């Protein structure tokens, strides 16, 4: 029997992970990039889908930050106060899966996006016969392990054990994006739209290279130039131009006459009238310009602003939850979310 534990840390809590300051300031230190929509689905959702397709018997998600709370809000159940350390929660999940009969447990600490074959990694681990296996690619080790739960020293912090213990090395030869800075996020989106990786847009290909999700509205006077993605409930106004691997995520809105070029407009973001947005990522009133490597916070709500949470994201979350047979989901504030 095989288990899996997916650990989701907010960007501000990943202090031992190499990141640019800009990725942390872009996402407020309280959100995880793993929970941000990328071509219609978050990396967390895509990871869970992959684990289910790989035949994992028991899946647990342990996370911190607003993004995880939002995604699992419909399943929230208050529990007695617990540890603020999500790796402590992860250890408890390891013990629970061991008691369920799991002889191998996959640990995935989300941050980087990887298309590593989980089933092959588990097969390799069993063939090696060791207590710990870690995936390694050209740029170094990934936070992706397989452990033998019977061999773990439970008096030692799981995070420290995983990252400092000797492990069998599983060579990764698949697509990997470390997502260490906003430019990496744009690269991932462009690679997905250009079929250079397996990250597929979640929508209908209305014409070659142009994807639209359910509820997206594009004015007849607007132009969408492939490749591009328009997410659920997103609206593109008259005389707008969306081009060069740009994406508008769910419930975003681009107003009259604005040009979006080689840029990402994240969920629930309004972009105002007559703007020229290029080589950027916009999230609410924050704008990351990749050419100049700066983060701007726009105070004028006529230019950029956060929109109220739309229905489409909540509906998508419910569909995700309906298909996910939880082992257990925990949030680092001590709140447990159970089936």
C-alpha atoms as a PDB file:
ATOM      1  CA  UNK A   1       0.000   0.000   0.000  1.00  0.00           C
ATOM      2  CA  UNK A   2       1.320   3.442  -0.945  1.00  0.00           C
ATOM      3  CA  UNK A   3       0.570   6.793   0.693  1.00  0.00           C
ATOM      4  CA  UNK A   4       1.371  10.374  -0.204  1.00  0.00           C
ATOM      5  CA  UNK A   5       1.667  13.575   1.808  1.00  0.00           C
ATOM      6  CA  UNK A   6       1.595  16.932   0.012  1.00  0.00           C
ATOM      7  CA  UNK A   7       3.099  19.780   2.059  1.00  0.00           C
ATOM      8  CA  UNK A   8       2.134  23.334   1.082  1.00  0.00           C
ATOM      9  CA  UNK A   9       4.033  26.166   2.778  1.00  0.00           C
ATOM     10  CA  UNK A  10       3.246  29.845   2.292  1.00  0.00           C
ATOM     11  CA  UNK A  11       5.954  31.761   0.441  1.00  0.00           C
ATOM     12  CA  UNK A  12       6.906  33.657   3.586  1.00  0.00           C
ATOM     13  CA  UNK A  13       7.537  30.456   5.581  1.00  0.00           C
ATOM     14  CA  UNK A  14       9.902  28.812   3.101  1.00  0.00           C
ATOM     15  CA  UNK A  15      12.944  30.476   4.625  1.00  0.00           C
ATOM     16  CA  UNK A  16      15.426  27.729   3.728  1.00  0.00           C
ATOM     17  CA  UNK A  17      14.385  27.683   0.077  1.00  0.00           C
ATOM     18  CA  UNK A  18      16.207  29.794  -2.492  1.00  0.00           C
ATOM     19  CA  UNK A  19      13.789  32.459  -3.694  1.00  0.00           C
ATOM     20  CA  UNK A  20      13.951  36.014  -4.907  1.00  0.00           C
ATOM     21  CA  UNK A  21      12.479  38.656  -2.609  1.00  0.00           C
ATOM     22  CA  UNK A  22      10.080  39.573  -5.413  1.00  0.00           C
ATOM     23  CA  UNK A  23       8.201  36.264  -5.384  1.00  0.00           C
ATOM     24  CA  UNK A  24       7.585  36.651  -1.632  1.00  0.00           C
ATOM     25  CA  UNK A  25       6.449  40.270  -1.894  1.00  0.00           C
ATOM     26  CA  UNK A  26       4.250  39.455  -4.895  1.00  0.00           C
ATOM     27  CA  UNK A  27       2.250  36.942  -2.898  1.00  0.00           C
ATOM     28  CA  UNK A  28       2.096  38.683   0.463  1.00  0.00           C
ATOM     29  CA  UNK A  29       4.048  36.012   2.378  1.00  0.00           C
ATOM     30  CA  UNK A  30       0.700  34.428   3.331  1.00  0.00           C
ATOM     31  CA  UNK A  31      -0.053  32.698   0.037  1.00  0.00           C
ATOM     32  CA  UNK A  32       1.603  29.752  -1.596  1.00  0.00           C
ATOM     33  CA  UNK A  33       2.398  29.799  -5.279  1.00  0.00           C
ATOM     34  CA  UNK A  34       1.116  26.214  -5.300  1.00  0.00           C
ATOM     35  CA  UNK A  35      -2.416  27.570  -4.731  1.00  0.00           C
ATOM     36  CA  UNK A  36      -2.312  30.215  -7.476  1.00  0.00           C
ATOM     37  CA  UNK A  37      -4.260  29.388 -10.623  1.00  0.00           C
ATOM     38  CA  UNK A  38      -2.002  28.590 -13.569  1.00  0.00           C
ATOM     39  CA  UNK A  39      -3.947  28.123 -16.809  1.00  0.00           C
ATOM     40  CA  UNK A  40      -7.103  27.373 -14.869  1.00  0.00           C
ATOM     41  CA  UNK A  41      -5.885  25.082 -12.078  1.00  0.00           C
ATOM     42  CA  UNK A  42      -3.466  25.387  -9.203  1.00  0.00           C
ATOM     43  CA  UNK A  43      -0.308  23.316  -8.947  1.00  0.00           C
ATOM     44  CA  UNK A  44      -1.765  21.762  -5.788  1.00  0.00           C
ATOM     45  CA  UNK A  45      -4.834  20.537  -7.683  1.00  0.00           C
ATOM     46  CA  UNK A  46      -2.723  19.263 -10.556  1.00  0.00           C
ATOM     47  CA  UNK A  47      -0.404  17.439  -8.141  1.00  0.00           C
ATOM     48  CA  UNK A  48      -3.296  15.693  -6.392  1.00  0.00           C
ATOM     49  CA  UNK A  49      -4.725  14.657  -9.774  1.00  0.00           C
ATOM     50  CA  UNK A  50      -1.347  13.193 -10.754  1.00  0.00           C
ATOM     51  CA  UNK A  51      -1.044  11.248  -7.493  1.00  0.00           C
ATOM     52  CA  UNK A  52      -4.520   9.790  -7.904  1.00  0.00           C
ATOM     53  CA  UNK A  53      -3.747   8.783 -11.484  1.00  0.00           C
ATOM     54  CA  UNK A  54      -0.528   7.127 -10.252  1.00  0.00           C
ATOM     55  CA  UNK A  55      -2.513   4.763  -8.036  1.00  0.00           C
ATOM     56  CA  UNK A  56      -1.682   6.285  -4.635  1.00  0.00           C
ATOM     57  CA  UNK A  57      -3.925   4.644  -2.041  1.00  0.00           C
ATOM     58  CA  UNK A  58      -4.003   7.369   0.629  1.00  0.00           C
ATOM     59  CA  UNK A  59      -3.391  11.099   0.103  1.00  0.00           C
ATOM     60  CA  UNK A  60      -2.978  13.798   2.763  1.00  0.00           C
ATOM     61  CA  UNK A  61      -2.564  17.533   2.193  1.00  0.00           C
ATOM     62  CA  UNK A  62      -0.871  19.572   4.915  1.00  0.00           C
ATOM     63  CA  UNK A  63      -0.682  23.286   4.328  1.00  0.00           C
ATOM     64  CA  UNK A  64      -0.439  26.821   5.569  1.00  0.00           C
ATOM     65  CA  UNK A  65      -1.560  30.157   4.243  1.00  0.00           C
ATOM     66  CA  UNK A  66      -4.690  31.766   2.870  1.00  0.00           C
ATOM     67  CA  UNK A  67      -4.592  29.867  -0.399  1.00  0.00           C
ATOM     68  CA  UNK A  68      -4.944  26.461   1.245  1.00  0.00           C
ATOM     69  CA  UNK A  69      -7.713  27.709   3.528  1.00  0.00           C
ATOM     70  CA  UNK A  70      -9.620  29.108   0.577  1.00  0.00           C
ATOM     71  CA  UNK A  71      -9.312  25.973  -1.501  1.00  0.00           C
ATOM     72  CA  UNK A  72     -10.569  23.688   1.259  1.00  0.00           C
ATOM     73  CA  UNK A  73     -13.007  26.103   2.874  1.00  0.00           C
ATOM     74  CA  UNK A  74     -16.038  23.934   2.106  1.00  0.00           C
ATOM     75  CA  UNK A  75     -14.504  21.072   4.113  1.00  0.00           C
ATOM     76  CA  UNK A  76     -13.397  23.124   7.097  1.00  0.00           C
ATOM     77  CA  UNK A  77     -14.003  21.637  10.512  1.00  0.00           C
ATOM     78  CA  UNK A  78     -12.698  23.274  13.670  1.00  0.00           C
ATOM     79  CA  UNK A  79     -10.514  21.062  15.802  1.00  0.00           C
ATOM     80  CA  UNK A  80      -8.669  21.459  19.078  1.00  0.00           C
ATOM     81  CA  UNK A  81      -5.633  23.772  18.828  1.00  0.00           C
ATOM     82  CA  UNK A  82      -2.566  22.027  17.464  1.00  0.00           C
ATOM     83  CA  UNK A  83       1.015  22.749  16.507  1.00  0.00           C
ATOM     84  CA  UNK A  84       1.751  25.683  14.233  1.00  0.00           C
ATOM     85  CA  UNK A  85       4.466  23.619  12.557  1.00  0.00           C
ATOM     86  CA  UNK A  86       3.051  22.038   9.410  1.00  0.00           C
ATOM     87  CA  UNK A  87       5.916  19.542   9.391  1.00  0.00           C
ATOM     88  CA  UNK A  88       4.643  18.338  12.761  1.00  0.00           C
ATOM     89  CA  UNK A  89       1.266  17.774  11.081  1.00  0.00           C
ATOM     90  CA  UNK A  90       3.075  15.971   8.250  1.00  0.00           C
ATOM     91  CA  UNK A  91       4.717  13.644  10.786  1.00  0.00           C
ATOM     92  CA  UNK A  92       1.293  12.815  12.236  1.00  0.00           C
ATOM     93  CA  UNK A  93       0.049  11.978   8.741  1.00  0.00           C
ATOM     94  CA  UNK A  94       3.046   9.674   8.213  1.00  0.00           C
ATOM     95  CA  UNK A  95       2.163   7.823  11.415  1.00  0.00           C
ATOM     96  CA  UNK A  96      -1.496   7.574  10.357  1.00  0.00           C
ATOM     97  CA  UNK A  97      -0.616   6.203   6.926  1.00  0.00           C
ATOM     98  CA  UNK A  98       1.820   3.738   8.482  1.00  0.00           C
ATOM     99  CA  UNK A  99      -1.007   2.475  10.704  1.00  0.00           C
ATOM    100  CA  UNK A 100      -3.194   2.119   7.598  1.00  0.00           C
ATOM    101  CA  UNK A 101      -0.607  -0.312   6.213  1.00  0.00           C
ATOM    102  CA  UNK A 102       1.427   1.916   3.873  1.00  0.00           C
ATOM    103  CA  UNK A 103       4.938   0.540   3.373  1.00  0.00           C
ATOM    104  CA  UNK A 104       6.034   3.444   1.157  1.00  0.00           C
ATOM    105  CA  UNK A 105       5.024   7.107   1.484  1.00  0.00           C
ATOM    106  CA  UNK A 106       5.678   9.802  -1.079  1.00  0.00           C
ATOM    107  CA  UNK A 107       6.441  13.235   0.439  1.00  0.00           C
ATOM    108  CA  UNK A 108       5.932  16.213  -1.891  1.00  0.00           C
ATOM    109  CA  UNK A 109       6.858  19.677  -0.590  1.00  0.00           C
ATOM    110  CA  UNK A 110       5.239  21.973  -3.131  1.00  0.00           C
ATOM    111  CA  UNK A 111       7.010  24.994  -4.481  1.00  0.00           C
ATOM    112  CA  UNK A 112       8.662  23.786  -7.670  1.00  0.00           C
ATOM    113  CA  UNK A 113       6.510  22.360 -10.460  1.00  0.00           C
ATOM    114  CA  UNK A 114       7.714  18.913 -11.483  1.00  0.00           C
ATOM    115  CA  UNK A 115       6.350  16.309 -13.868  1.00  0.00           C
ATOM    116  CA  UNK A 116       8.202  13.476 -12.174  1.00  0.00           C
ATOM    117  CA  UNK A 117       6.592  10.053 -12.653  1.00  0.00           C
ATOM    118  CA  UNK A 118       5.407   9.183  -9.135  1.00  0.00           C
ATOM    119  CA  UNK A 119       4.786   5.509  -9.908  1.00  0.00           C
ATOM    120  CA  UNK A 120       8.296   5.082 -11.337  1.00  0.00           C
ATOM    121  CA  UNK A 121       9.845   6.888  -8.362  1.00  0.00           C
ATOM    122  CA  UNK A 122       8.091   4.519  -5.948  1.00  0.00           C
ATOM    123  CA  UNK A 123       9.182   1.495  -8.026  1.00  0.00           C
ATOM    124  CA  UNK A 124      12.792   2.744  -7.935  1.00  0.00           C
ATOM    125  CA  UNK A 125      12.607   3.236  -4.147  1.00  0.00           C
ATOM    126  CA  UNK A 126      11.426  -0.328  -3.604  1.00  0.00           C
ATOM    127  CA  UNK A 127      14.125  -1.717  -5.871  1.00  0.00           C
ATOM    128  CA  UNK A 128      16.825   0.149  -3.919  1.00  0.00           C
ATOM    129  CA  UNK A 129      15.544  -1.295  -0.640  1.00  0.00           C
ATOM    130  CA  UNK A 130      16.633   1.721   1.426  1.00  0.00           C
ATOM    131  CA  UNK A 131      14.760   3.833   3.964  1.00  0.00           C
ATOM    132  CA  UNK A 132      14.812   7.057   1.939  1.00  0.00           C
ATOM    133  CA  UNK A 133      14.896   8.038  -1.730  1.00  0.00           C
ATOM    134  CA  UNK A 134      15.133  11.602  -3.059  1.00  0.00           C
ATOM    135  CA  UNK A 135      14.490  12.908  -6.559  1.00  0.00           C
ATOM    136  CA  UNK A 136      17.375  14.879  -8.066  1.00  0.00           C
ATOM    137  CA  UNK A 137      17.522  16.816 -11.339  1.00  0.00           C
ATOM    138  CA  UNK A 138      20.255  18.740 -13.159  1.00  0.00           C
ATOM    139  CA  UNK A 139      19.996  21.826 -10.932  1.00  0.00           C
ATOM    140  CA  UNK A 140      20.038  19.817  -7.718  1.00  0.00           C
ATOM    141  CA  UNK A 141      17.772  17.939  -5.325  1.00  0.00           C
ATOM    142  CA  UNK A 142      14.003  18.363  -5.338  1.00  0.00           C
ATOM    143  CA  UNK A 143      11.770  18.355  -2.271  1.00  0.00           C
ATOM    144  CA  UNK A 144      10.340  15.026  -3.411  1.00  0.00           C
ATOM    145  CA  UNK A 145      11.028  11.895  -1.430  1.00  0.00           C
ATOM    146  CA  UNK A 146       9.821   8.336  -0.854  1.00  0.00           C
ATOM    147  CA  UNK A 147      10.220   7.026   2.676  1.00  0.00           C
ATOM    148  CA  UNK A 148       9.849   3.740   4.500  1.00  0.00           C
ATOM    149  CA  UNK A 149       7.636   4.821   7.438  1.00  0.00           C
ATOM    150  CA  UNK A 150       8.960   1.977   9.599  1.00  0.00           C
ATOM    151  CA  UNK A 151      12.507   3.361   9.390  1.00  0.00           C
ATOM    152  CA  UNK A 152      11.821   7.010  10.328  1.00  0.00           C
ATOM    153  CA  UNK A 153      13.219   8.275  13.660  1.00  0.00           C
ATOM    154  CA  UNK A 154      10.061   9.915  15.033  1.00  0.00           C
ATOM    155  CA  UNK A 155      12.015  11.801  17.708  1.00  0.00           C
ATOM    156  CA  UNK A 156      13.577  13.898  14.927  1.00  0.00           C
ATOM    157  CA  UNK A 157      11.835  16.623  12.912  1.00  0.00           C
ATOM    158  CA  UNK A 158      10.640  15.155   9.627  1.00  0.00           C
ATOM    159  CA  UNK A 159      11.831  18.136   7.567  1.00  0.00           C
ATOM    160  CA  UNK A 160      15.356  17.875   8.975  1.00  0.00           C
ATOM    161  CA  UNK A 161      15.423  14.110   8.480  1.00  0.00           C
ATOM    162  CA  UNK A 162      14.351  14.360   4.857  1.00  0.00           C
ATOM    163  CA  UNK A 163      16.757  17.119   3.863  1.00  0.00           C
ATOM    164  CA  UNK A 164      19.871  15.989   5.731  1.00  0.00           C
ATOM    165  CA  UNK A 165      19.785  12.179   5.738  1.00  0.00           C
ATOM    166  CA  UNK A 166      21.587  10.016   3.229  1.00  0.00           C
ATOM    167  CA  UNK A 167      19.181   8.910   0.520  1.00  0.00           C
ATOM    168  CA  UNK A 168      19.135   6.885  -2.647  1.00  0.00           C
ATOM    169  CA  UNK A 169      19.207   9.238  -5.626  1.00  0.00           C
ATOM    170  CA  UNK A 170      16.434   9.026  -8.190  1.00  0.00           C
ATOM    171  CA  UNK A 171      17.527  10.853 -11.380  1.00  0.00           C
ATOM    172  CA  UNK A 172      14.737  13.077 -12.740  1.00  0.00           C
ATOM    173  CA  UNK A 173      14.705  13.625 -16.509  1.00  0.00           C
ATOM    174  CA  UNK A 174      11.342  15.316 -16.828  1.00  0.00           C
ATOM    175  CA  UNK A 175      10.196  18.928 -17.011  1.00  0.00           C
ATOM    176  CA  UNK A 176      10.965  20.892 -13.829  1.00  0.00           C
ATOM    177  CA  UNK A 177      10.364  24.565 -13.059  1.00  0.00           C
ATOM    178  CA  UNK A 178      11.700  25.740  -9.692  1.00  0.00           C
ATOM    179  CA  UNK A 179       9.298  28.717  -9.474  1.00  0.00           C
ATOM    180  CA  UNK A 180      11.816  30.794  -7.550  1.00  0.00           C
ATOM    181  CA  UNK A 181      10.802  34.145  -9.056  1.00  0.00           C
ATOM    182  CA  UNK A 182       7.949  35.728 -11.062  1.00  0.00           C
ATOM    183  CA  UNK A 183       9.827  35.134 -14.323  1.00  0.00           C
ATOM    184  CA  UNK A 184       9.734  31.382 -13.628  1.00  0.00           C
ATOM    185  CA  UNK A 185       5.949  31.603 -13.312  1.00  0.00           C
ATOM    186  CA  UNK A 186       5.684  33.325 -16.683  1.00  0.00           C
ATOM    187  CA  UNK A 187       7.992  30.693 -18.192  1.00  0.00           C
ATOM    188  CA  UNK A 188       5.765  27.901 -16.868  1.00  0.00           C
ATOM    189  CA  UNK A 189       2.673  29.527 -18.378  1.00  0.00           C
ATOM    190  CA  UNK A 190       4.366  30.077 -21.752  1.00  0.00           C
ATOM    191  CA  UNK A 191       5.648  26.489 -21.753  1.00  0.00           C
ATOM    192  CA  UNK A 192       2.144  25.192 -20.997  1.00  0.00           C
ATOM    193  CA  UNK A 193       0.534  27.262 -23.746  1.00  0.00           C
ATOM    194  CA  UNK A 194       3.252  26.208 -26.217  1.00  0.00           C
ATOM    195  CA  UNK A 195       3.046  22.477 -25.281  1.00  0.00           C
ATOM    196  CA  UNK A 196       6.643  22.401 -24.009  1.00  0.00           C
ATOM    197  CA  UNK A 197       5.432  20.735 -20.810  1.00  0.00           C
ATOM    198  CA  UNK A 198       2.444  18.735 -19.627  1.00  0.00           C
ATOM    199  CA  UNK A 199       0.652  21.644 -17.957  1.00  0.00           C
ATOM    200  CA  UNK A 200      -2.495  21.847 -20.055  1.00  0.00           C
ATOM    201  CA  UNK A 201      -4.893  24.798 -20.152  1.00  0.00           C
ATOM    202  CA  UNK A 202      -8.195  23.942 -18.457  1.00  0.00           C
ATOM    203  CA  UNK A 203     -10.690  24.943 -21.108  1.00  0.00           C
ATOM    204  CA  UNK A 204     -11.828  24.496 -24.690  1.00  0.00           C
ATOM    205  CA  UNK A 205      -9.534  25.213 -27.616  1.00  0.00           C
ATOM    206  CA  UNK A 206     -11.862  27.535 -29.506  1.00  0.00           C
ATOM    207  CA  UNK A 207      -9.308  27.986 -32.279  1.00  0.00           C
ATOM    208  CA  UNK A 208      -5.727  26.730 -32.652  1.00  0.00           C
ATOM    209  CA  UNK A 209      -3.751  27.901 -29.644  1.00  0.00           C
ATOM    210  CA  UNK A 210      -6.579  29.830 -27.974  1.00  0.00           C
ATOM    211  CA  UNK A 211      -8.249  28.279 -24.924  1.00  0.00           C
ATOM    212  CA  UNK A 212     -11.311  29.561 -23.129  1.00  0.00           C
ATOM    213  CA  UNK A 213     -12.834  28.153 -19.967  1.00  0.00           C
ATOM    214  CA  UNK A 214     -16.497  27.914 -19.042  1.00  0.00           C
ATOM    215  CA  UNK A 215     -18.159  31.295 -18.553  1.00  0.00           C
ATOM    216  CA  UNK A 216     -15.397  33.349 -20.203  1.00  0.00           C
ATOM    217  CA  UNK A 217     -16.720  36.341 -22.177  1.00  0.00           C
ATOM    218  CA  UNK A 218     -14.789  38.073 -24.976  1.00  0.00           C
ATOM    219  CA  UNK A 219     -16.318  41.121 -26.657  1.00  0.00           C
ATOM    220  CA  UNK A 220     -16.706  40.848 -30.424  1.00  0.00           C
ATOM    221  CA  UNK A 221     -14.443  43.844 -30.873  1.00  0.00           C
ATOM    222  CA  UNK A 222     -11.572  42.234 -28.930  1.00  0.00           C
ATOM    223  CA  UNK A 223      -8.733  40.202 -30.451  1.00  0.00           C
ATOM    224  CA  UNK A 224      -7.170  37.096 -28.938  1.00  0.00           C
ATOM    225  CA  UNK A 225      -3.923  36.064 -30.649  1.00  0.00           C
ATOM    226  CA  UNK A 226      -2.621  32.523 -30.069  1.00  0.00           C
ATOM    227  CA  UNK A 227      -1.331  31.198 -27.849  1.00  0.00           C
ATOM    228  CA  UNK A 228      -3.518  32.587 -25.081  1.00  0.00           C
ATOM    229  CA  UNK A 229      -5.829  31.470 -22.270  1.00  0.00           C
ATOM    230  CA  UNK A 230      -9.033  33.091 -20.955  1.00  0.00           C
ATOM    231  CA  UNK A 231     -10.161  31.549 -17.664  1.00  0.00           C
ATOM    232  CA  UNK A 232     -13.524  30.806 -16.049  1.00  0.00           C
ATOM    233  CA  UNK A 233     -15.748  33.839 -15.803  1.00  0.00           C
ATOM    234  CA  UNK A 234     -13.047  36.168 -17.151  1.00  0.00           C
ATOM    235  CA  UNK A 235     -14.192  39.128 -19.261  1.00  0.00           C
ATOM    236  CA  UNK A 236     -12.330  40.857 -22.093  1.00  0.00           C
ATOM    237  CA  UNK A 237     -13.719  44.230 -23.137  1.00  0.00           C
ATOM    238  CA  UNK A 238     -14.178  45.850 -26.536  1.00  0.00           C
ATOM    239  CA  UNK A 239     -11.047  46.805 -28.526  1.00  0.00           C
ATOM    240  CA  UNK A 240      -8.770  44.789 -26.216  1.00  0.00           C
ATOM    241  CA  UNK A 241      -5.831  42.733 -27.498  1.00  0.00           C
ATOM    242  CA  UNK A 242      -4.603  39.603 -25.693  1.00  0.00           C
ATOM    243  CA  UNK A 243      -1.422  38.207 -27.250  1.00  0.00           C
ATOM    244  CA  UNK A 244       1.951  36.404 -26.932  1.00  0.00           C
ATOM    245  CA  UNK A 245       1.331  33.631 -24.394  1.00  0.00           C
ATOM    246  CA  UNK A 246      -0.840  35.799 -22.150  1.00  0.00           C
ATOM    247  CA  UNK A 247      -3.316  34.327 -19.681  1.00  0.00           C
ATOM    248  CA  UNK A 248      -6.320  35.733 -17.838  1.00  0.00           C
ATOM    249  CA  UNK A 249      -7.278  33.575 -14.882  1.00  0.00           C
ATOM    250  CA  UNK A 250     -10.731  33.078 -13.375  1.00  0.00           C
ATOM    251  CA  UNK A 251     -13.028  36.069 -12.782  1.00  0.00           C
ATOM    252  CA  UNK A 252     -10.458  38.578 -14.022  1.00  0.00           C
ATOM    253  CA  UNK A 253     -11.532  41.539 -16.140  1.00  0.00           C
ATOM    254  CA  UNK A 254      -9.678  43.527 -18.803  1.00  0.00           C
ATOM    255  CA  UNK A 255     -11.444  46.767 -19.655  1.00  0.00           C
ATOM    256  CA  UNK A 256     -11.891  48.696 -22.911  1.00  0.00           C
ATOM    257  CA  UNK A 257      -8.925  49.136 -25.241  1.00  0.00           C
ATOM    258  CA  UNK A 258      -6.262  47.530 -23.061  1.00  0.00           C
ATOM    259  CA  UNK A 259      -3.417  45.480 -24.549  1.00  0.00           C
ATOM    260  CA  UNK A 260      -2.132  42.437 -22.638  1.00  0.00           C
ATOM    261  CA  UNK A 261       1.138  41.200 -24.153  1.00  0.00           C
ATOM    262  CA  UNK A 262       3.318  38.390 -22.764  1.00  0.00           C
ATOM    263  CA  UNK A 263       1.650  38.857 -19.378  1.00  0.00           C
ATOM    264  CA  UNK A 264      -0.449  37.113 -16.741  1.00  0.00           C
ATOM    265  CA  UNK A 265      -3.555  38.534 -15.098  1.00  0.00           C
ATOM    266  CA  UNK A 266      -4.250  36.398 -12.031  1.00  0.00           C
ATOM    267  CA  UNK A 267      -7.640  35.522 -10.579  1.00  0.00           C
ATOM    268  CA  UNK A 268     -10.081  38.251  -9.483  1.00  0.00           C
ATOM    269  CA  UNK A 269      -7.987  41.082 -10.918  1.00  0.00           C
ATOM    270  CA  UNK A 270      -9.310  44.156 -12.729  1.00  0.00           C
ATOM    271  CA  UNK A 271      -7.140  45.842 -15.378  1.00  0.00           C
ATOM    272  CA  UNK A 272      -8.403  49.281 -16.363  1.00  0.00           C
ATOM    273  CA  UNK A 273      -9.172  51.141 -19.568  1.00  0.00           C
ATOM    274  CA  UNK A 274      -6.627  51.867 -22.280  1.00  0.00           C
ATOM    275  CA  UNK A 275      -3.562  50.325 -20.621  1.00  0.00           C
ATOM    276  CA  UNK A 276      -0.567  48.642 -22.258  1.00  0.00           C
ATOM    277  CA  UNK A 277       0.490  45.749 -20.038  1.00  0.00           C
ATOM    278  CA  UNK A 278       3.541  43.829 -21.232  1.00  0.00           C
ATOM    279  CA  UNK A 279       6.067  41.374 -19.710  1.00  0.00           C
ATOM    280  CA  UNK A 280       4.252  41.483 -16.381  1.00  0.00           C
ATOM    281  CA  UNK A 281       2.228  39.572 -13.812  1.00  0.00           C
ATOM    282  CA  UNK A 282      -0.719  41.329 -12.178  1.00  0.00           C
ATOM    283  CA  UNK A 283      -2.359  40.111  -8.976  1.00  0.00           C
ATOM    284  CA  UNK A 284      -4.966  42.503  -7.608  1.00  0.00           C
ATOM    285  CA  UNK A 285      -3.244  45.860  -7.302  1.00  0.00           C
ATOM    286  CA  UNK A 286       0.272  44.376  -7.426  1.00  0.00           C
ATOM    287  CA  UNK A 287       2.212  44.396 -10.670  1.00  0.00           C
ATOM    288  CA  UNK A 288       5.493  42.558 -11.247  1.00  0.00           C
ATOM    289  CA  UNK A 289       7.356  43.911 -14.277  1.00  0.00           C
ATOM    290  CA  UNK A 290       9.758  41.236 -15.490  1.00  0.00           C
ATOM    291  CA  UNK A 291      11.770  43.534 -17.758  1.00  0.00           C
ATOM    292  CA  UNK A 292      12.737  45.790 -14.859  1.00  0.00           C
ATOM    293  CA  UNK A 293      12.453  43.186 -12.073  1.00  0.00           C
ATOM    294  CA  UNK A 294      10.325  45.389  -9.847  1.00  0.00           C
ATOM    295  CA  UNK A 295       7.087  44.985  -7.909  1.00  0.00           C
ATOM    296  CA  UNK A 296       4.678  47.931  -7.949  1.00  0.00           C
ATOM    297  CA  UNK A 297       1.636  48.416  -5.754  1.00  0.00           C
ATOM    298  CA  UNK A 298      -0.960  50.543  -7.553  1.00  0.00           C
ATOM    299  CA  UNK A 299      -3.168  52.603  -5.262  1.00  0.00           C
ATOM    300  CA  UNK A 300      -5.500  53.858  -8.020  1.00  0.00           C
ATOM    301  CA  UNK A 301      -8.361  51.356  -8.247  1.00  0.00           C
ATOM    302  CA  UNK A 302      -9.284  52.696 -11.685  1.00  0.00           C
ATOM    303  CA  UNK A 303      -6.006  51.252 -12.981  1.00  0.00           C
ATOM    304  CA  UNK A 304      -5.690  47.963 -11.066  1.00  0.00           C
ATOM    305  CA  UNK A 305      -7.637  46.423  -8.225  1.00  0.00           C
ATOM    306  CA  UNK A 306      -8.753  43.205  -6.588  1.00  0.00           C
ATOM    307  CA  UNK A 307     -12.261  42.127  -7.499  1.00  0.00           C
ATOM    308  CA  UNK A 308     -14.606  40.327  -5.153  1.00  0.00           C
ATOM    309  CA  UNK A 309     -14.252  36.566  -5.188  1.00  0.00           C
ATOM    310  CA  UNK A 310     -16.242  35.198  -8.116  1.00  0.00           C
ATOM    311  CA  UNK A 311     -18.473  32.149  -8.132  1.00  0.00           C
ATOM    312  CA  UNK A 312     -16.480  30.259 -10.756  1.00  0.00           C
ATOM    313  CA  UNK A 313     -13.463  29.635  -8.529  1.00  0.00           C
ATOM    314  CA  UNK A 314     -15.638  28.371  -5.679  1.00  0.00           C
ATOM    315  CA  UNK A 315     -17.461  26.052  -8.068  1.00  0.00           C
ATOM    316  CA  UNK A 316     -14.174  24.724  -9.425  1.00  0.00           C
ATOM    317  CA  UNK A 317     -12.949  24.115  -5.873  1.00  0.00           C
ATOM    318  CA  UNK A 318     -16.090  22.137  -5.100  1.00  0.00           C
ATOM    319  CA  UNK A 319     -15.557  19.984  -8.192  1.00  0.00           C
ATOM    320  CA  UNK A 320     -11.958  19.369  -7.129  1.00  0.00           C
ATOM    321  CA  UNK A 321     -13.031  18.426  -3.607  1.00  0.00           C
ATOM    322  CA  UNK A 322     -15.749  16.121  -4.914  1.00  0.00           C
ATOM    323  CA  UNK A 323     -13.159  14.127  -6.865  1.00  0.00           C
ATOM    324  CA  UNK A 324     -10.587  14.043  -4.075  1.00  0.00           C
ATOM    325  CA  UNK A 325     -10.921  11.163  -1.626  1.00  0.00           C
ATOM    326  CA  UNK A 326      -9.120  12.709   1.342  1.00  0.00           C
ATOM    327  CA  UNK A 327      -7.000  10.833   3.808  1.00  0.00           C
ATOM    328  CA  UNK A 328      -6.829  14.064   5.772  1.00  0.00           C
ATOM    329  CA  UNK A 329      -6.143  17.729   5.199  1.00  0.00           C
ATOM    330  CA  UNK A 330      -4.616  19.855   7.941  1.00  0.00           C
ATOM    331  CA  UNK A 331      -3.908  23.564   8.220  1.00  0.00           C
ATOM    332  CA  UNK A 332      -1.021  24.824  10.320  1.00  0.00           C
ATOM    333  CA  UNK A 333      -3.222  26.991  12.528  1.00  0.00           C
ATOM    334  CA  UNK A 334      -4.409  23.813  14.173  1.00  0.00           C
ATOM    335  CA  UNK A 335      -7.544  23.461  12.074  1.00  0.00           C
ATOM    336  CA  UNK A 336      -8.108  19.974  10.741  1.00  0.00           C
ATOM    337  CA  UNK A 337     -10.161  19.358   7.639  1.00  0.00           C
ATOM    338  CA  UNK A 338     -11.583  15.914   7.481  1.00  0.00           C
ATOM    339  CA  UNK A 339     -13.684  13.898   5.102  1.00  0.00           C
END
